[in-house]
Amino acid sequence: MNLENTQVQMRKGILEYCILHIISRGEVYASDMLLELTSAKIMVVEGTLYPLLTRLRKAGLVEYKWVESNAGPPRKYYTLTGQGAEFLESLDHTWKELVESTQQITAIEQQSGEK
């Protein structure tokens, strides 16, 4: 198996969750999302982000508005909908359960390896 491929797949698996969290803080521009994700070592490109944002919008989880820009064309700023906030709350619960389960499993594995 290729370690790098597995790591990429793990990061992709939480991409939607991370994007919803970023948007939940308030109006955000897609380029700012890309910067934050990249700085957190969740590598994503525009070709991945924009289709995901479109799916989230079609699902009613996010919405956007156009804002005029002094530095060029208008920009789309994304916000979470009420339905999106509820969805994110459920994902938060699932994430916490996954973290606890993973920690429980890896802690047992580490104890076994020490014997």
N, C-alpha and C. Protein backbone atom coordinates (compact mmCIF):
# COMPACT_ATOMS: atom_id res chain seq x y z
N MET A 1 0.85 -1.20 0.00
CA MET A 1 0.00 0.00 0.00
C MET A 1 0.88 1.24 0.00
N ASN A 2 0.32 2.29 -0.54
CA ASN A 2 1.04 3.56 -0.60
C ASN A 2 0.58 4.45 0.55
N LEU A 3 1.49 4.78 1.44
CA LEU A 3 1.18 5.60 2.62
C LEU A 3 0.58 6.95 2.22
N GLU A 4 1.19 7.59 1.25
CA GLU A 4 0.72 8.92 0.85
C GLU A 4 -0.72 8.87 0.34
N ASN A 5 -1.08 7.84 -0.44
CA ASN A 5 -2.45 7.71 -0.93
C ASN A 5 -3.44 7.53 0.22
N THR A 6 -3.06 6.74 1.20
CA THR A 6 -3.93 6.52 2.36
C THR A 6 -4.11 7.82 3.14
N GLN A 7 -3.03 8.57 3.32
CA GLN A 7 -3.13 9.85 4.02
C GLN A 7 -4.03 10.82 3.27
N VAL A 8 -3.91 10.88 1.95
CA VAL A 8 -4.75 11.76 1.13
C VAL A 8 -6.21 11.36 1.28
N GLN A 9 -6.50 10.07 1.26
CA GLN A 9 -7.88 9.60 1.39
C GLN A 9 -8.46 9.94 2.76
N MET A 10 -7.64 9.85 3.80
CA MET A 10 -8.11 10.22 5.14
C MET A 10 -8.49 11.70 5.18
N ARG A 11 -7.64 12.54 4.59
CA ARG A 11 -7.92 13.98 4.57
C ARG A 11 -9.16 14.30 3.74
N LYS A 12 -9.31 13.64 2.60
CA LYS A 12 -10.48 13.87 1.74
C LYS A 12 -11.76 13.48 2.48
N GLY A 13 -11.66 12.46 3.31
CA GLY A 13 -12.83 11.98 4.04
C GLY A 13 -13.41 13.01 5.00
N ILE A 14 -12.59 13.95 5.44
CA ILE A 14 -13.08 14.96 6.38
C ILE A 14 -13.21 16.34 5.75
N LEU A 15 -13.02 16.41 4.45
CA LEU A 15 -13.04 17.70 3.75
C LEU A 15 -14.38 18.42 3.90
N GLU A 16 -15.47 17.74 3.65
CA GLU A 16 -16.79 18.36 3.75
C GLU A 16 -17.03 18.90 5.16
N TYR A 17 -16.66 18.11 6.15
CA TYR A 17 -16.81 18.50 7.55
C TYR A 17 -16.01 19.77 7.84
N CYS A 18 -14.77 19.82 7.39
CA CYS A 18 -13.92 20.99 7.62
C CYS A 18 -14.47 22.23 6.89
N ILE A 19 -14.94 22.05 5.68
CA ILE A 19 -15.49 23.17 4.93
C ILE A 19 -16.73 23.73 5.62
N LEU A 20 -17.59 22.86 6.09
CA LEU A 20 -18.79 23.33 6.81
C LEU A 20 -18.38 24.09 8.07
N HIS A 21 -17.36 23.63 8.76
CA HIS A 21 -16.89 24.34 9.96
C HIS A 21 -16.37 25.73 9.62
N ILE A 22 -15.60 25.82 8.55
CA ILE A 22 -15.07 27.12 8.14
C ILE A 22 -16.22 28.07 7.80
N ILE A 23 -17.20 27.58 7.06
CA ILE A 23 -18.34 28.42 6.67
C ILE A 23 -19.19 28.80 7.87
N SER A 24 -19.24 27.93 8.87
CA SER A 24 -20.09 28.19 10.04
C SER A 24 -19.65 29.42 10.83
N ARG A 25 -18.43 29.88 10.62
CA ARG A 25 -17.92 31.04 11.35
C ARG A 25 -18.44 32.36 10.80
N GLY A 26 -19.03 32.34 9.62
CA GLY A 26 -19.53 33.56 8.99
C GLY A 26 -19.22 33.56 7.52
N GLU A 27 -19.59 34.64 6.86
CA GLU A 27 -19.38 34.74 5.42
C GLU A 27 -17.92 34.48 5.06
N VAL A 28 -17.70 33.63 4.07
CA VAL A 28 -16.33 33.30 3.69
C VAL A 28 -16.25 33.11 2.17
N TYR A 29 -15.16 33.58 1.64
CA TYR A 29 -14.85 33.50 0.22
C TYR A 29 -14.10 32.19 -0.04
N ALA A 30 -14.33 31.57 -1.19
CA ALA A 30 -13.73 30.27 -1.49
C ALA A 30 -12.21 30.29 -1.40
N SER A 31 -11.57 31.35 -1.87
CA SER A 31 -10.10 31.42 -1.80
C SER A 31 -9.61 31.40 -0.36
N ASP A 32 -10.37 32.02 0.55
CA ASP A 32 -10.00 31.99 1.96
C ASP A 32 -10.14 30.58 2.53
N MET A 33 -11.16 29.85 2.06
CA MET A 33 -11.30 28.45 2.48
C MET A 33 -10.09 27.64 2.03
N LEU A 34 -9.69 27.83 0.78
CA LEU A 34 -8.53 27.12 0.25
C LEU A 34 -7.28 27.40 1.07
N LEU A 35 -7.08 28.66 1.42
CA LEU A 35 -5.90 29.02 2.23
C LEU A 35 -5.92 28.34 3.59
N GLU A 36 -7.07 28.36 4.24
CA GLU A 36 -7.15 27.74 5.57
C GLU A 36 -6.96 26.24 5.49
N LEU A 37 -7.58 25.61 4.52
CA LEU A 37 -7.43 24.16 4.36
C LEU A 37 -5.98 23.79 4.07
N THR A 38 -5.35 24.55 3.19
CA THR A 38 -3.96 24.28 2.84
C THR A 38 -3.04 24.49 4.04
N SER A 39 -3.28 25.55 4.80
CA SER A 39 -2.43 25.80 5.97
C SER A 39 -2.61 24.71 7.03
N ALA A 40 -3.76 24.04 7.01
CA ALA A 40 -4.02 22.93 7.94
C ALA A 40 -3.57 21.59 7.35
N LYS A 41 -2.87 21.67 6.21
CA LYS A 41 -2.34 20.49 5.52
C LYS A 41 -3.43 19.57 4.98
N ILE A 42 -4.57 20.15 4.69
CA ILE A 42 -5.62 19.44 3.96
C ILE A 42 -5.57 20.02 2.56
N MET A 43 -4.77 19.37 1.72
CA MET A 43 -4.51 19.89 0.39
C MET A 43 -5.75 19.71 -0.48
N VAL A 44 -6.22 20.82 -1.01
CA VAL A 44 -7.39 20.79 -1.88
C VAL A 44 -7.19 21.85 -2.95
N VAL A 45 -7.70 21.59 -4.13
CA VAL A 45 -7.59 22.52 -5.24
C VAL A 45 -8.97 23.04 -5.60
N GLU A 46 -9.00 24.12 -6.36
CA GLU A 46 -10.28 24.71 -6.76
C GLU A 46 -11.18 23.70 -7.45
N GLY A 47 -10.58 22.82 -8.25
CA GLY A 47 -11.35 21.81 -8.97
C GLY A 47 -12.04 20.81 -8.07
N THR A 48 -11.63 20.74 -6.82
CA THR A 48 -12.29 19.89 -5.83
C THR A 48 -13.26 20.72 -5.00
N LEU A 49 -12.84 21.92 -4.62
CA LEU A 49 -13.64 22.75 -3.72
C LEU A 49 -14.95 23.22 -4.36
N TYR A 50 -14.89 23.77 -5.55
CA TYR A 50 -16.09 24.35 -6.15
C TYR A 50 -17.21 23.33 -6.40
N PRO A 51 -16.91 22.14 -6.91
CA PRO A 51 -17.99 21.14 -7.03
C PRO A 51 -18.58 20.75 -5.67
N LEU A 52 -17.73 20.67 -4.65
CA LEU A 52 -18.22 20.35 -3.31
C LEU A 52 -19.14 21.46 -2.79
N LEU A 53 -18.75 22.71 -2.99
CA LEU A 53 -19.60 23.83 -2.58
C LEU A 53 -20.93 23.81 -3.32
N THR A 54 -20.89 23.45 -4.59
CA THR A 54 -22.14 23.35 -5.37
C THR A 54 -23.03 22.26 -4.81
N ARG A 55 -22.46 21.10 -4.47
CA ARG A 55 -23.25 20.01 -3.87
C ARG A 55 -23.85 20.44 -2.53
N LEU A 56 -23.06 21.13 -1.72
CA LEU A 56 -23.56 21.60 -0.43
C LEU A 56 -24.70 22.60 -0.60
N ARG A 57 -24.58 23.45 -1.62
CA ARG A 57 -25.64 24.42 -1.90
C ARG A 57 -26.91 23.72 -2.37
N LYS A 58 -26.77 22.78 -3.30
CA LYS A 58 -27.92 22.05 -3.81
C LYS A 58 -28.61 21.23 -2.72
N ALA A 59 -27.84 20.81 -1.73
CA ALA A 59 -28.39 20.06 -0.61
C ALA A 59 -29.05 20.97 0.42
N GLY A 60 -28.93 22.30 0.22
CA GLY A 60 -29.55 23.25 1.14
C GLY A 60 -28.74 23.52 2.38
N LEU A 61 -27.46 23.13 2.40
CA LEU A 61 -26.63 23.29 3.59
C LEU A 61 -25.89 24.62 3.62
N VAL A 62 -25.59 25.16 2.45
CA VAL A 62 -24.93 26.46 2.36
C VAL A 62 -25.65 27.31 1.31
N GLU A 63 -25.44 28.60 1.43
CA GLU A 63 -25.94 29.53 0.42
C GLU A 63 -24.85 30.55 0.18
N TYR A 64 -25.00 31.29 -0.88
CA TYR A 64 -24.00 32.30 -1.17
C TYR A 64 -24.66 33.58 -1.64
N LYS A 65 -23.87 34.65 -1.56
CA LYS A 65 -24.32 35.91 -2.13
C LYS A 65 -23.13 36.52 -2.85
N TRP A 66 -23.45 37.28 -3.88
CA TRP A 66 -22.42 37.98 -4.63
C TRP A 66 -22.14 39.31 -3.96
N VAL A 67 -20.85 39.62 -3.82
CA VAL A 67 -20.44 40.89 -3.23
C VAL A 67 -19.48 41.56 -4.20
N GLU A 68 -19.76 42.82 -4.50
CA GLU A 68 -18.88 43.58 -5.39
C GLU A 68 -17.50 43.71 -4.76
N SER A 69 -16.48 43.70 -5.61
CA SER A 69 -15.10 43.79 -5.14
C SER A 69 -14.41 44.98 -5.80
N ASN A 70 -13.63 45.70 -5.03
CA ASN A 70 -12.85 46.82 -5.58
C ASN A 70 -11.67 46.33 -6.40
N ALA A 71 -11.27 45.08 -6.16
CA ALA A 71 -10.06 44.55 -6.79
C ALA A 71 -10.36 43.64 -7.98
N GLY A 72 -11.57 43.64 -8.49
CA GLY A 72 -11.88 42.77 -9.61
C GLY A 72 -13.35 42.43 -9.68
N PRO A 73 -13.65 41.26 -10.22
CA PRO A 73 -15.06 40.86 -10.37
C PRO A 73 -15.73 40.60 -9.02
N PRO A 74 -17.06 40.55 -9.01
CA PRO A 74 -17.76 40.23 -7.76
C PRO A 74 -17.32 38.87 -7.22
N ARG A 75 -17.45 38.71 -5.92
CA ARG A 75 -17.06 37.47 -5.26
C ARG A 75 -18.27 36.80 -4.63
N LYS A 76 -18.24 35.46 -4.60
CA LYS A 76 -19.27 34.68 -3.92
C LYS A 76 -18.82 34.47 -2.48
N TYR A 77 -19.66 34.86 -1.55
CA TYR A 77 -19.40 34.62 -0.14
C TYR A 77 -20.42 33.60 0.37
N TYR A 78 -19.91 32.56 1.00
CA TYR A 78 -20.74 31.45 1.45
C TYR A 78 -21.09 31.58 2.93
N THR A 79 -22.32 31.16 3.25
CA THR A 79 -22.78 31.08 4.64
C THR A 79 -23.52 29.76 4.83
N LEU A 80 -23.62 29.36 6.07
CA LEU A 80 -24.35 28.14 6.42
C LEU A 80 -25.84 28.46 6.53
N THR A 81 -26.69 27.58 6.08
CA THR A 81 -28.13 27.73 6.27
C THR A 81 -28.50 27.11 7.62
N GLY A 82 -29.73 27.28 8.03
CA GLY A 82 -30.20 26.63 9.26
C GLY A 82 -30.07 25.12 9.16
N GLN A 83 -30.44 24.59 8.02
CA GLN A 83 -30.31 23.16 7.78
C GLN A 83 -28.84 22.75 7.83
N GLY A 84 -27.96 23.59 7.31
CA GLY A 84 -26.54 23.31 7.33
C GLY A 84 -25.99 23.29 8.75
N ALA A 85 -26.49 24.20 9.60
CA ALA A 85 -26.05 24.24 11.00
C ALA A 85 -26.47 22.96 11.73
N GLU A 86 -27.68 22.47 11.46
CA GLU A 86 -28.15 21.23 12.07
C GLU A 86 -27.32 20.04 11.58
N PHE A 87 -27.05 20.04 10.29
CA PHE A 87 -26.23 18.98 9.69
C PHE A 87 -24.84 18.96 10.32
N LEU A 88 -24.24 20.14 10.46
CA LEU A 88 -22.91 20.25 11.06
C LEU A 88 -22.93 19.79 12.51
N GLU A 89 -23.97 20.10 13.23
CA GLU A 89 -24.07 19.66 14.62
C GLU A 89 -24.08 18.14 14.70
N SER A 90 -24.78 17.50 13.78
CA SER A 90 -24.78 16.03 13.73
C SER A 90 -23.41 15.49 13.37
N LEU A 91 -22.74 16.16 12.43
CA LEU A 91 -21.38 15.74 12.07
C LEU A 91 -20.42 15.91 13.25
N ASP A 92 -20.60 16.99 14.03
CA ASP A 92 -19.77 17.19 15.22
C ASP A 92 -19.90 16.00 16.17
N HIS A 93 -21.14 15.57 16.36
CA HIS A 93 -21.38 14.43 17.25
C HIS A 93 -20.69 13.18 16.70
N THR A 94 -20.84 12.94 15.40
CA THR A 94 -20.21 11.79 14.77
C THR A 94 -18.69 11.87 14.87
N TRP A 95 -18.14 13.07 14.65
CA TRP A 95 -16.69 13.26 14.72
C TRP A 95 -16.17 12.93 16.13
N LYS A 96 -16.86 13.43 17.15
CA LYS A 96 -16.44 13.17 18.53
C LYS A 96 -16.46 11.67 18.84
N GLU A 97 -17.49 10.98 18.36
CA GLU A 97 -17.56 9.53 18.56
C GLU A 97 -16.41 8.82 17.86
N LEU A 98 -16.11 9.25 16.63
CA LEU A 98 -15.01 8.64 15.88
C LEU A 98 -13.67 8.86 16.56
N VAL A 99 -13.45 10.07 17.06
CA VAL A 99 -12.20 10.37 17.74
C VAL A 99 -12.07 9.49 18.99
N GLU A 100 -13.14 9.41 19.78
CA GLU A 100 -13.10 8.58 20.98
C GLU A 100 -12.85 7.12 20.64
N SER A 101 -13.54 6.61 19.62
CA SER A 101 -13.37 5.21 19.22
C SER A 101 -11.96 4.95 18.73
N THR A 102 -11.45 5.87 17.92
CA THR A 102 -10.09 5.72 17.40
C THR A 102 -9.07 5.75 18.52
N GLN A 103 -9.24 6.67 19.44
CA GLN A 103 -8.31 6.75 20.57
C GLN A 103 -8.37 5.49 21.42
N GLN A 104 -9.56 4.96 21.61
CA GLN A 104 -9.70 3.72 22.38
C GLN A 104 -8.97 2.58 21.69
N ILE A 105 -9.14 2.47 20.39
CA ILE A 105 -8.50 1.38 19.64
C ILE A 105 -6.99 1.56 19.61
N THR A 106 -6.52 2.76 19.34
CA THR A 106 -5.08 2.96 19.23
C THR A 106 -4.40 2.87 20.59
N ALA A 107 -5.09 3.21 21.65
CA ALA A 107 -4.52 3.09 22.99
C ALA A 107 -4.30 1.62 23.33
N ILE A 108 -5.24 0.78 22.99
CA ILE A 108 -5.10 -0.66 23.24
C ILE A 108 -3.95 -1.21 22.42
N GLU A 109 -3.86 -0.77 21.18
CA GLU A 109 -2.78 -1.23 20.30
C GLU A 109 -1.42 -0.83 20.86
N GLN A 110 -1.31 0.38 21.39
CA GLN A 110 -0.05 0.84 21.94
C GLN A 110 0.32 0.06 23.19
N GLN A 111 -0.65 -0.25 24.03
CA GLN A 111 -0.37 -1.04 25.23
C GLN A 111 0.09 -2.43 24.85
N SER A 112 -0.52 -3.03 23.84
CA SER A 112 -0.13 -4.37 23.39
C SER A 112 1.29 -4.37 22.86
N GLY A 113 1.65 -3.31 22.15
CA GLY A 113 2.99 -3.23 21.57
C GLY A 113 4.08 -3.05 22.60
N GLU A 114 3.73 -2.57 23.79
CA GLU A 114 4.72 -2.32 24.82
C GLU A 114 5.11 -3.57 25.58
N LYS A 115 4.30 -4.62 25.52
CA LYS A 115 4.57 -5.85 26.28
C LYS A 115 5.66 -6.66 25.67
